[in-house]
Structures are given as C-alpha cells and as structure tokens.
Protein backbone atom coordinates (compact mmCIF):
# COMPACT_ATOMS: atom_id res chain seq x y z
CA UNK A 1 8.51 -2.94 -7.16
CA UNK A 2 11.37 -3.40 -4.79
CA UNK A 3 14.60 -1.68 -3.92
CA UNK A 4 16.07 0.82 -6.38
CA UNK A 5 19.29 2.78 -6.08
CA UNK A 6 21.99 4.37 -8.17
CA UNK A 7 21.54 7.23 -10.62
CA UNK A 8 17.79 7.45 -10.03
CA UNK A 9 18.08 9.11 -6.64
CA UNK A 10 17.79 7.93 -3.03
CA UNK A 11 16.99 4.35 -2.15
CA UNK A 12 13.33 3.54 -1.65
CA UNK A 13 11.20 0.48 -1.13
CA UNK A 14 7.58 -0.13 -1.91
CA UNK A 15 5.22 -3.08 -1.94
CA UNK A 16 1.55 -3.10 -2.88
CA UNK A 17 -1.24 -5.52 -3.77
CA UNK A 18 -4.75 -5.16 -5.15
CA UNK A 19 -7.03 -7.74 -3.54
CA UNK A 20 -10.74 -7.60 -4.43
CA UNK A 21 -10.53 -3.88 -5.20
CA UNK A 22 -8.68 -2.98 -1.99
CA UNK A 23 -5.06 -1.81 -2.09
CA UNK A 24 -2.74 -3.09 0.60
CA UNK A 25 0.91 -2.25 0.90
CA UNK A 26 3.83 -0.38 2.35
CA UNK A 27 5.59 2.77 1.17
CA UNK A 28 8.84 3.75 2.91
CA UNK A 29 8.09 1.35 5.81
CA UNK A 30 4.60 2.84 6.41
CA UNK A 31 1.26 1.13 5.75
CA UNK A 32 -0.56 2.73 2.81
CA UNK A 33 -4.15 3.81 3.43
CA UNK A 34 -4.72 6.34 0.63
CA UNK A 35 -4.26 6.38 -3.14
CA UNK A 36 -3.38 9.67 -4.83
CA UNK A 37 -4.69 9.46 -8.43
CA UNK A 38 -3.60 11.63 -11.34
CA UNK A 39 -6.15 11.98 -14.16
CA UNK A 40 -5.82 13.60 -17.59
CA UNK A 41 -8.86 14.99 -19.38
CA UNK A 42 -9.16 16.36 -22.89
CA UNK A 43 -10.60 19.84 -23.44
CA UNK A 44 -11.97 19.08 -26.90
CA UNK A 45 -13.38 15.54 -26.58
CA UNK A 46 -14.53 13.03 -23.96
CA UNK A 47 -11.09 11.48 -23.40
CA UNK A 48 -10.24 10.80 -19.75
CA UNK A 49 -7.56 8.51 -18.34
CA UNK A 50 -5.93 7.73 -15.00
CA UNK A 51 -2.18 8.12 -15.57
CA UNK A 52 -0.87 7.30 -12.08
CA UNK A 53 -2.08 5.77 -8.84
CA UNK A 54 0.31 6.44 -5.95
CA UNK A 55 -0.33 4.58 -2.67
CA UNK A 56 0.44 6.79 0.35
CA UNK A 57 0.07 6.51 4.13
CA UNK A 58 -1.84 9.85 4.10
CA UNK A 59 -2.25 12.97 1.95
CA UNK A 60 -1.09 16.26 3.43
CA UNK A 61 0.26 19.58 2.15
CA UNK A 62 3.84 18.25 2.01
CA UNK A 63 2.78 15.36 -0.25
CA UNK A 64 0.77 17.66 -2.53
CA UNK A 65 3.71 20.08 -2.90
CA UNK A 66 6.06 17.17 -3.62
CA UNK A 67 3.93 15.78 -6.44
C-alpha cells in the first residue's frame, strides 16, 4: 500500500487496516466505509473463495461499471 506511479497508470494512494474485524482506511483521500468483495464459485463442486476485497467510500453505479 502506498503511492504508485509510472507504467501502471495514474498515481493513487490507499491506506487500510483491519482492527478487530472492522476495516478502517482511506482511498483517494476519502474515508472508506464499504468493502466490495469479489467471490468465485465452482459450478461442479463446493469450491468458493473470496478473490478480492476492495475498500470504497461508497458503492454506486459508477463504481460497479468501473469494476
């Protein structure tokens, strides 16, 4: 986590902590209040896994279209 720049795209900053099951942090200078989770499930067996947890200030249609 931190500042990234160069070939990967625009500069961004993020900071997050998990304290007693609660996520606290900042994303693009905004306080995060929501976590957008991406889960994969198998069609043929009982496999299920969370592949990404993205802290966001809020979820709206713009965020859903972006991801």
